[in-house]
Amino acid sequence: EVVYIPRIPIKPSDVPFGFERLQFPVKLAFTFTINKSQGKCTGLLLDPMCFSHGQLYVACSRGGDPKNLYIYCPNGKTKNIVYPQALK
């Protein structure tokens, strides 16, 4: 899917001279995998549900101290999907 991001003209008013710049409306962000997050202070965004068996458990258990875990779940709940085939 192609998404077009328009450039936005910015005209600062807090400088003694006038100028205009074109800027893309993007924000710098960093990410890493659940497995790489071991021992880190992490936050979880549970907007899409966890997609493999045990992924939610692994994500929650990587931080070590529960005080280092922050979970954002927009609808208030998520599913830890367990496939019956994995339990056989």
PDB file of N, CA and C in Angstrom:
ATOM      1  N   GLU A   1       0.844  -1.176   0.000  1.00  0.00           N
ATOM      2  CA  GLU A   1       0.000   0.000   0.000  1.00  0.00           C
ATOM      3  C   GLU A   1       0.889   1.239   0.000  1.00  0.00           C
ATOM      4  N   VAL A   2       0.569   2.184  -0.837  1.00  0.00           N
ATOM      5  CA  VAL A   2       1.314   3.434  -0.927  1.00  0.00           C
ATOM      6  C   VAL A   2       0.567   4.502  -0.140  1.00  0.00           C
ATOM      7  N   VAL A   3       1.292   5.186   0.728  1.00  0.00           N
ATOM      8  CA  VAL A   3       0.714   6.268   1.518  1.00  0.00           C
ATOM      9  C   VAL A   3       1.470   7.542   1.182  1.00  0.00           C
ATOM     10  N   TYR A   4       0.764   8.563   0.792  1.00  0.00           N
ATOM     11  CA  TYR A   4       1.385   9.841   0.469  1.00  0.00           C
ATOM     12  C   TYR A   4       1.397  10.728   1.711  1.00  0.00           C
ATOM     13  N   ILE A   5       2.561  11.275   2.015  1.00  0.00           N
ATOM     14  CA  ILE A   5       2.714  12.170   3.157  1.00  0.00           C
ATOM     15  C   ILE A   5       2.976  13.571   2.603  1.00  0.00           C
ATOM     16  N   PRO A   6       2.033  14.487   2.785  1.00  0.00           N
ATOM     17  CA  PRO A   6       2.227  15.830   2.232  1.00  0.00           C
ATOM     18  C   PRO A   6       3.224  16.635   3.066  1.00  0.00           C
ATOM     19  N   ARG A   7       3.965  17.497   2.399  1.00  0.00           N
ATOM     20  CA  ARG A   7       4.843  18.416   3.117  1.00  0.00           C
ATOM     21  C   ARG A   7       4.010  19.606   3.587  1.00  0.00           C
ATOM     22  N   ILE A   8       4.265  20.048   4.799  1.00  0.00           N
ATOM     23  CA  ILE A   8       3.493  21.132   5.394  1.00  0.00           C
ATOM     24  C   ILE A   8       4.362  22.387   5.439  1.00  0.00           C
ATOM     25  N   PRO A   9       3.858  23.527   4.928  1.00  0.00           N
ATOM     26  CA  PRO A   9       4.642  24.764   5.018  1.00  0.00           C
ATOM     27  C   PRO A   9       4.628  25.302   6.450  1.00  0.00           C
ATOM     28  N   ILE A  10       5.804  25.615   6.955  1.00  0.00           N
ATOM     29  CA  ILE A  10       5.962  26.154   8.309  1.00  0.00           C
ATOM     30  C   ILE A  10       6.502  27.578   8.175  1.00  0.00           C
ATOM     31  N   LYS A  11       5.819  28.552   8.796  1.00  0.00           N
ATOM     32  CA  LYS A  11       6.249  29.952   8.779  1.00  0.00           C
ATOM     33  C   LYS A  11       6.429  30.406  10.225  1.00  0.00           C
ATOM     34  N   PRO A  12       7.642  30.334  10.753  1.00  0.00           N
ATOM     35  CA  PRO A  12       7.865  30.751  12.147  1.00  0.00           C
ATOM     36  C   PRO A  12       7.574  32.239  12.327  1.00  0.00           C
ATOM     37  N   SER A  13       6.952  32.571  13.445  1.00  0.00           N
ATOM     38  CA  SER A  13       6.641  33.973  13.729  1.00  0.00           C
ATOM     39  C   SER A  13       7.485  34.529  14.868  1.00  0.00           C
ATOM     40  N   ASP A  14       8.346  33.696  15.439  1.00  0.00           N
ATOM     41  CA  ASP A  14       9.137  34.140  16.589  1.00  0.00           C
ATOM     42  C   ASP A  14      10.554  34.574  16.203  1.00  0.00           C
ATOM     43  N   VAL A  15      10.784  34.880  14.930  1.00  0.00           N
ATOM     44  CA  VAL A  15      12.095  35.359  14.477  1.00  0.00           C
ATOM     45  C   VAL A  15      11.906  36.731  13.824  1.00  0.00           C
ATOM     46  N   PRO A  16      12.951  37.579  13.848  1.00  0.00           N
ATOM     47  CA  PRO A  16      12.800  38.947  13.323  1.00  0.00           C
ATOM     48  C   PRO A  16      12.754  39.043  11.793  1.00  0.00           C
ATOM     49  N   PHE A  17      12.859  37.939  11.085  1.00  0.00           N
ATOM     50  CA  PHE A  17      12.802  37.952   9.624  1.00  0.00           C
ATOM     51  C   PHE A  17      11.832  36.858   9.171  1.00  0.00           C
ATOM     52  N   GLY A  18      11.350  36.972   7.953  1.00  0.00           N
ATOM     53  CA  GLY A  18      10.371  36.009   7.466  1.00  0.00           C
ATOM     54  C   GLY A  18      10.994  34.935   6.589  1.00  0.00           C
ATOM     55  N   PHE A  19      10.567  33.711   6.767  1.00  0.00           N
ATOM     56  CA  PHE A  19      10.962  32.613   5.888  1.00  0.00           C
ATOM     57  C   PHE A  19       9.937  31.495   6.008  1.00  0.00           C
ATOM     58  N   GLU A  20       9.982  30.595   5.063  1.00  0.00           N
ATOM     59  CA  GLU A  20       9.057  29.461   5.046  1.00  0.00           C
ATOM     60  C   GLU A  20       9.847  28.199   4.736  1.00  0.00           C
ATOM     61  N   ARG A  21       9.545  27.130   5.428  1.00  0.00           N
ATOM     62  CA  ARG A  21      10.185  25.848   5.128  1.00  0.00           C
ATOM     63  C   ARG A  21       9.098  24.802   4.934  1.00  0.00           C
ATOM     64  N   LEU A  22       9.403  23.807   4.137  1.00  0.00           N
ATOM     65  CA  LEU A  22       8.485  22.691   3.925  1.00  0.00           C
ATOM     66  C   LEU A  22       8.978  21.512   4.745  1.00  0.00           C
ATOM     67  N   GLN A  23       8.101  20.928   5.522  1.00  0.00           N
ATOM     68  CA  GLN A  23       8.500  19.868   6.440  1.00  0.00           C
ATOM     69  C   GLN A  23       7.521  18.706   6.348  1.00  0.00           C
ATOM     70  N   PHE A  24       8.062  17.480   6.389  1.00  0.00           N
ATOM     71  CA  PHE A  24       7.211  16.296   6.449  1.00  0.00           C
ATOM     72  C   PHE A  24       6.704  16.125   7.877  1.00  0.00           C
ATOM     73  N   PRO A  25       5.405  15.863   8.085  1.00  0.00           N
ATOM     74  CA  PRO A  25       4.861  15.702   9.436  1.00  0.00           C
ATOM     75  C   PRO A  25       5.131  14.297   9.982  1.00  0.00           C
ATOM     76  N   VAL A  26       6.385  14.012  10.307  1.00  0.00           N
ATOM     77  CA  VAL A  26       6.746  12.701  10.850  1.00  0.00           C
ATOM     78  C   VAL A  26       7.432  12.887  12.191  1.00  0.00           C
ATOM     79  N   LYS A  27       7.415  11.850  12.992  1.00  0.00           N
ATOM     80  CA  LYS A  27       8.039  11.875  14.308  1.00  0.00           C
ATOM     81  C   LYS A  27       9.044  10.737  14.380  1.00  0.00           C
ATOM     82  N   LEU A  28      10.212  11.005  14.944  1.00  0.00           N
ATOM     83  CA  LEU A  28      11.242   9.998  15.104  1.00  0.00           C
ATOM     84  C   LEU A  28      10.782   8.944  16.114  1.00  0.00           C
ATOM     85  N   ALA A  29      10.969   7.681  15.787  1.00  0.00           N
ATOM     86  CA  ALA A  29      10.564   6.599  16.682  1.00  0.00           C
ATOM     87  C   ALA A  29      11.554   5.447  16.565  1.00  0.00           C
ATOM     88  N   PHE A  30      11.691   4.692  17.634  1.00  0.00           N
ATOM     89  CA  PHE A  30      12.569   3.535  17.663  1.00  0.00           C
ATOM     90  C   PHE A  30      11.769   2.328  18.129  1.00  0.00           C
ATOM     91  N   THR A  31      12.183   1.155  17.708  1.00  0.00           N
ATOM     92  CA  THR A  31      11.509  -0.065  18.132  1.00  0.00           C
ATOM     93  C   THR A  31      12.517  -1.201  18.183  1.00  0.00           C
ATOM     94  N   PHE A  32      12.180  -2.247  18.890  1.00  0.00           N
ATOM     95  CA  PHE A  32      12.991  -3.461  18.887  1.00  0.00           C
ATOM     96  C   PHE A  32      12.075  -4.639  19.156  1.00  0.00           C
ATOM     97  N   THR A  33      12.565  -5.830  18.880  1.00  0.00           N
ATOM     98  CA  THR A  33      11.724  -7.010  19.018  1.00  0.00           C
ATOM     99  C   THR A  33      11.519  -7.371  20.484  1.00  0.00           C
ATOM    100  N   ILE A  34      10.508  -8.179  20.736  1.00  0.00           N
ATOM    101  CA  ILE A  34      10.230  -8.631  22.099  1.00  0.00           C
ATOM    102  C   ILE A  34      11.441  -9.350  22.680  1.00  0.00           C
ATOM    103  N   ASN A  35      12.082 -10.203  21.887  1.00  0.00           N
ATOM    104  CA  ASN A  35      13.219 -10.971  22.398  1.00  0.00           C
ATOM    105  C   ASN A  35      14.414 -10.091  22.737  1.00  0.00           C
ATOM    106  N   LYS A  36      14.583  -8.972  22.052  1.00  0.00           N
ATOM    107  CA  LYS A  36      15.708  -8.069  22.321  1.00  0.00           C
ATOM    108  C   LYS A  36      15.455  -7.180  23.536  1.00  0.00           C
ATOM    109  N   SER A  37      14.247  -7.201  24.079  1.00  0.00           N
ATOM    110  CA  SER A  37      13.898  -6.283  25.157  1.00  0.00           C
ATOM    111  C   SER A  37      14.235  -6.816  26.545  1.00  0.00           C
ATOM    112  N   GLN A  38      14.941  -7.921  26.634  1.00  0.00           N
ATOM    113  CA  GLN A  38      15.228  -8.539  27.931  1.00  0.00           C
ATOM    114  C   GLN A  38      15.961  -7.570  28.849  1.00  0.00           C
ATOM    115  N   GLY A  39      15.413  -7.374  30.056  1.00  0.00           N
ATOM    116  CA  GLY A  39      16.045  -6.540  31.063  1.00  0.00           C
ATOM    117  C   GLY A  39      15.848  -5.052  30.872  1.00  0.00           C
ATOM    118  N   LYS A  40      15.101  -4.635  29.887  1.00  0.00           N
ATOM    119  CA  LYS A  40      14.893  -3.216  29.613  1.00  0.00           C
ATOM    120  C   LYS A  40      13.586  -2.746  30.248  1.00  0.00           C
ATOM    121  N   CYS A  41      13.474  -1.445  30.447  1.00  0.00           N
ATOM    122  CA  CYS A  41      12.209  -0.839  30.838  1.00  0.00           C
ATOM    123  C   CYS A  41      11.402  -0.700  29.556  1.00  0.00           C
ATOM    124  N   THR A  42      10.299  -1.425  29.455  1.00  0.00           N
ATOM    125  CA  THR A  42       9.585  -1.477  28.182  1.00  0.00           C
ATOM    126  C   THR A  42       8.136  -1.044  28.327  1.00  0.00           C
ATOM    127  N   GLY A  43       7.575  -0.665  27.215  1.00  0.00           N
ATOM    128  CA  GLY A  43       6.155  -0.377  27.116  1.00  0.00           C
ATOM    129  C   GLY A  43       5.581  -1.239  26.013  1.00  0.00           C
ATOM    130  N   LEU A  44       4.372  -1.709  26.183  1.00  0.00           N
ATOM    131  CA  LEU A  44       3.728  -2.548  25.173  1.00  0.00           C
ATOM    132  C   LEU A  44       2.524  -1.820  24.614  1.00  0.00           C
ATOM    133  N   LEU A  45       2.420  -1.780  23.301  1.00  0.00           N
ATOM    134  CA  LEU A  45       1.237  -1.260  22.635  1.00  0.00           C
ATOM    135  C   LEU A  45       0.450  -2.463  22.146  1.00  0.00           C
ATOM    136  N   LEU A  46      -0.690  -2.707  22.744  1.00  0.00           N
ATOM    137  CA  LEU A  46      -1.489  -3.882  22.396  1.00  0.00           C
ATOM    138  C   LEU A  46      -2.674  -3.488  21.528  1.00  0.00           C
ATOM    139  N   ASP A  47      -2.419  -2.652  20.528  1.00  0.00           N
ATOM    140  CA  ASP A  47      -3.474  -2.276  19.596  1.00  0.00           C
ATOM    141  C   ASP A  47      -3.806  -3.461  18.697  1.00  0.00           C
ATOM    142  N   PRO A  48      -2.826  -4.009  17.957  1.00  0.00           N
ATOM    143  CA  PRO A  48      -3.098  -5.295  17.311  1.00  0.00           C
ATOM    144  C   PRO A  48      -2.864  -6.393  18.348  1.00  0.00           C
ATOM    145  N   MET A  49      -3.651  -7.441  18.300  1.00  0.00           N
ATOM    146  CA  MET A  49      -3.487  -8.507  19.289  1.00  0.00           C
ATOM    147  C   MET A  49      -2.184  -9.264  19.066  1.00  0.00           C
ATOM    148  N   CYS A  50      -1.680  -9.879  20.124  1.00  0.00           N
ATOM    149  CA  CYS A  50      -0.495 -10.722  20.001  1.00  0.00           C
ATOM    150  C   CYS A  50      -0.818 -11.850  19.045  1.00  0.00           C
ATOM    151  N   PHE A  51       0.105 -12.167  18.169  1.00  0.00           N
ATOM    152  CA  PHE A  51      -0.231 -13.067  17.068  1.00  0.00           C
ATOM    153  C   PHE A  51       0.357 -14.455  17.165  1.00  0.00           C
ATOM    154  N   SER A  52       1.118 -14.772  18.182  1.00  0.00           N
ATOM    155  CA  SER A  52       1.619 -16.137  18.284  1.00  0.00           C
ATOM    156  C   SER A  52       1.512 -16.614  19.727  1.00  0.00           C
ATOM    157  N   HIS A  53       1.500 -17.930  19.897  1.00  0.00           N
ATOM    158  CA  HIS A  53       1.357 -18.527  21.219  1.00  0.00           C
ATOM    159  C   HIS A  53       2.456 -18.022  22.151  1.00  0.00           C
ATOM    160  N   GLY A  54       2.078 -17.489  23.271  1.00  0.00           N
ATOM    161  CA  GLY A  54       3.039 -17.079  24.283  1.00  0.00           C
ATOM    162  C   GLY A  54       3.678 -15.724  24.051  1.00  0.00           C
ATOM    163  N   GLN A  55       3.323 -15.021  22.988  1.00  0.00           N
ATOM    164  CA  GLN A  55       3.977 -13.746  22.698  1.00  0.00           C
ATOM    165  C   GLN A  55       3.701 -12.713  23.791  1.00  0.00           C
ATOM    166  N   LEU A  56       2.474 -12.642  24.289  1.00  0.00           N
ATOM    167  CA  LEU A  56       2.153 -11.704  25.358  1.00  0.00           C
ATOM    168  C   LEU A  56       2.930 -12.047  26.622  1.00  0.00           C
ATOM    169  N   TYR A  57       3.009 -13.333  26.965  1.00  0.00           N
ATOM    170  CA  TYR A  57       3.765 -13.761  28.142  1.00  0.00           C
ATOM    171  C   TYR A  57       5.235 -13.382  28.010  1.00  0.00           C
ATOM    172  N   VAL A  58       5.823 -13.659  26.856  1.00  0.00           N
ATOM    173  CA  VAL A  58       7.239 -13.345  26.635  1.00  0.00           C
ATOM    174  C   VAL A  58       7.456 -11.843  26.752  1.00  0.00           C
ATOM    175  N   ALA A  59       6.581 -11.051  26.140  1.00  0.00           N
ATOM    176  CA  ALA A  59       6.728  -9.598  26.185  1.00  0.00           C
ATOM    177  C   ALA A  59       6.652  -9.081  27.619  1.00  0.00           C
ATOM    178  N   CYS A  60       5.735  -9.611  28.411  1.00  0.00           N
ATOM    179  CA  CYS A  60       5.570  -9.146  29.791  1.00  0.00           C
ATOM    180  C   CYS A  60       6.677  -9.638  30.707  1.00  0.00           C
ATOM    181  N   SER A  61       7.282 -10.771  30.397  1.00  0.00           N
ATOM    182  CA  SER A  61       8.286 -11.344  31.296  1.00  0.00           C
ATOM    183  C   SER A  61       9.698 -10.851  31.006  1.00  0.00           C
ATOM    184  N   ARG A  62       9.937 -10.128  29.934  1.00  0.00           N
ATOM    185  CA  ARG A  62      11.292  -9.707  29.563  1.00  0.00           C
ATOM    186  C   ARG A  62      11.851  -8.595  30.430  1.00  0.00           C
ATOM    187  N   GLY A  63      11.001  -7.759  30.998  1.00  0.00           N
ATOM    188  CA  GLY A  63      11.493  -6.604  31.733  1.00  0.00           C
ATOM    189  C   GLY A  63      12.135  -6.921  33.063  1.00  0.00           C
ATOM    190  N   GLY A  64      11.885  -8.098  33.614  1.00  0.00           N
ATOM    191  CA  GLY A  64      12.447  -8.442  34.919  1.00  0.00           C
ATOM    192  C   GLY A  64      11.563  -7.916  36.036  1.00  0.00           C
ATOM    193  N   ASP A  65      11.696  -6.655  36.384  1.00  0.00           N
ATOM    194  CA  ASP A  65      10.924  -6.034  37.451  1.00  0.00           C
ATOM    195  C   ASP A  65       9.582  -5.544  36.888  1.00  0.00           C
ATOM    196  N   PRO A  66       8.449  -5.952  37.480  1.00  0.00           N
ATOM    197  CA  PRO A  66       7.146  -5.510  36.966  1.00  0.00           C
ATOM    198  C   PRO A  66       6.977  -3.987  36.959  1.00  0.00           C
ATOM    199  N   LYS A  67       7.742  -3.266  37.785  1.00  0.00           N
ATOM    200  CA  LYS A  67       7.659  -1.803  37.781  1.00  0.00           C
ATOM    201  C   LYS A  67       8.212  -1.206  36.490  1.00  0.00           C
ATOM    202  N   ASN A  68       8.940  -2.007  35.708  1.00  0.00           N
ATOM    203  CA  ASN A  68       9.508  -1.529  34.448  1.00  0.00           C
ATOM    204  C   ASN A  68       8.620  -1.836  33.246  1.00  0.00           C
ATOM    205  N   LEU A  69       7.399  -2.267  33.479  1.00  0.00           N
ATOM    206  CA  LEU A  69       6.503  -2.654  32.387  1.00  0.00           C
ATOM    207  C   LEU A  69       5.325  -1.686  32.317  1.00  0.00           C
ATOM    208  N   TYR A  70       5.107  -1.127  31.141  1.00  0.00           N
ATOM    209  CA  TYR A  70       3.985  -0.230  30.894  1.00  0.00           C
ATOM    210  C   TYR A  70       3.200  -0.789  29.717  1.00  0.00           C
ATOM    211  N   ILE A  71       1.913  -0.994  29.894  1.00  0.00           N
ATOM    212  CA  ILE A  71       1.081  -1.589  28.848  1.00  0.00           C
ATOM    213  C   ILE A  71       0.001  -0.597  28.442  1.00  0.00           C
ATOM    214  N   TYR A  72      -0.093  -0.334  27.135  1.00  0.00           N
ATOM    215  CA  TYR A  72      -1.158   0.501  26.591  1.00  0.00           C
ATOM    216  C   TYR A  72      -2.067  -0.389  25.761  1.00  0.00           C
ATOM    217  N   CYS A  73      -3.293  -0.517  26.192  1.00  0.00           N
ATOM    218  CA  CYS A  73      -4.268  -1.361  25.495  1.00  0.00           C
ATOM    219  C   CYS A  73      -5.530  -0.522  25.293  1.00  0.00           C
ATOM    220  N   PRO A  74      -5.735   0.018  24.081  1.00  0.00           N
ATOM    221  CA  PRO A  74      -6.803   0.991  23.855  1.00  0.00           C
ATOM    222  C   PRO A  74      -8.207   0.538  24.245  1.00  0.00           C
ATOM    223  N   ASN A  75      -8.559  -0.708  24.012  1.00  0.00           N
ATOM    224  CA  ASN A  75      -9.923  -1.135  24.338  1.00  0.00           C
ATOM    225  C   ASN A  75     -10.020  -1.797  25.710  1.00  0.00           C
ATOM    226  N   GLY A  76      -8.950  -1.780  26.495  1.00  0.00           N
ATOM    227  CA  GLY A  76      -8.997  -2.278  27.861  1.00  0.00           C
ATOM    228  C   GLY A  76      -8.742  -3.755  28.047  1.00  0.00           C
ATOM    229  N   LYS A  77      -8.638  -4.517  26.973  1.00  0.00           N
ATOM    230  CA  LYS A  77      -8.348  -5.943  27.108  1.00  0.00           C
ATOM    231  C   LYS A  77      -7.682  -6.444  25.833  1.00  0.00           C
ATOM    232  N   THR A  78      -6.995  -7.570  25.956  1.00  0.00           N
ATOM    233  CA  THR A  78      -6.371  -8.220  24.812  1.00  0.00           C
ATOM    234  C   THR A  78      -6.479  -9.720  25.007  1.00  0.00           C
ATOM    235  N   LYS A  79      -6.176 -10.462  23.982  1.00  0.00           N
ATOM    236  CA  LYS A  79      -6.220 -11.920  24.071  1.00  0.00           C
ATOM    237  C   LYS A  79      -4.812 -12.471  23.951  1.00  0.00           C
ATOM    238  N   ASN A  80      -4.459 -13.374  24.845  1.00  0.00           N
ATOM    239  CA  ASN A  80      -3.231 -14.136  24.690  1.00  0.00           C
ATOM    240  C   ASN A  80      -3.648 -15.397  23.949  1.00  0.00           C
ATOM    241  N   ILE A  81      -3.424 -15.410  22.668  1.00  0.00           N
ATOM    242  CA  ILE A  81      -3.915 -16.491  21.814  1.00  0.00           C
ATOM    243  C   ILE A  81      -3.156 -17.781  22.097  1.00  0.00           C
ATOM    244  N   VAL A  82      -3.887 -18.839  22.393  1.00  0.00           N
ATOM    245  CA  VAL A  82      -3.294 -20.152  22.614  1.00  0.00           C
ATOM    246  C   VAL A  82      -3.886 -21.101  21.579  1.00  0.00           C
ATOM    247  N   TYR A  83      -3.028 -21.707  20.789  1.00  0.00           N
ATOM    248  CA  TYR A  83      -3.479 -22.663  19.786  1.00  0.00           C
ATOM    249  C   TYR A  83      -3.504 -24.056  20.404  1.00  0.00           C
ATOM    250  N   PRO A  84      -4.643 -24.767  20.365  1.00  0.00           N
ATOM    251  CA  PRO A  84      -4.732 -26.102  20.953  1.00  0.00           C
ATOM    252  C   PRO A  84      -3.677 -27.055  20.397  1.00  0.00           C
ATOM    253  N   GLN A  85      -3.295 -26.881  19.133  1.00  0.00           N
ATOM    254  CA  GLN A  85      -2.292 -27.754  18.527  1.00  0.00           C
ATOM    255  C   GLN A  85      -0.941 -27.626  19.245  1.00  0.00           C
ATOM    256  N   ALA A  86      -0.674 -26.458  19.813  1.00  0.00           N
ATOM    257  CA  ALA A  86       0.611 -26.253  20.488  1.00  0.00           C
ATOM    258  C   ALA A  86       0.671 -26.973  21.830  1.00  0.00           C
ATOM    259  N   LEU A  87      -0.484 -27.344  22.379  1.00  0.00           N
ATOM    260  CA  LEU A  87      -0.517 -28.004  23.682  1.00  0.00           C
ATOM    261  C   LEU A  87      -0.477 -29.517  23.582  1.00  0.00           C
ATOM    262  N   LYS A  88      -0.501 -30.069  22.372  1.00  0.00           N
ATOM    263  CA  LYS A  88      -0.503 -31.520  22.200  1.00  0.00           C
ATOM    264  C   LYS A  88       0.898 -32.060  22.169  1.00  0.00           C
TER     265      LYS A  88
END
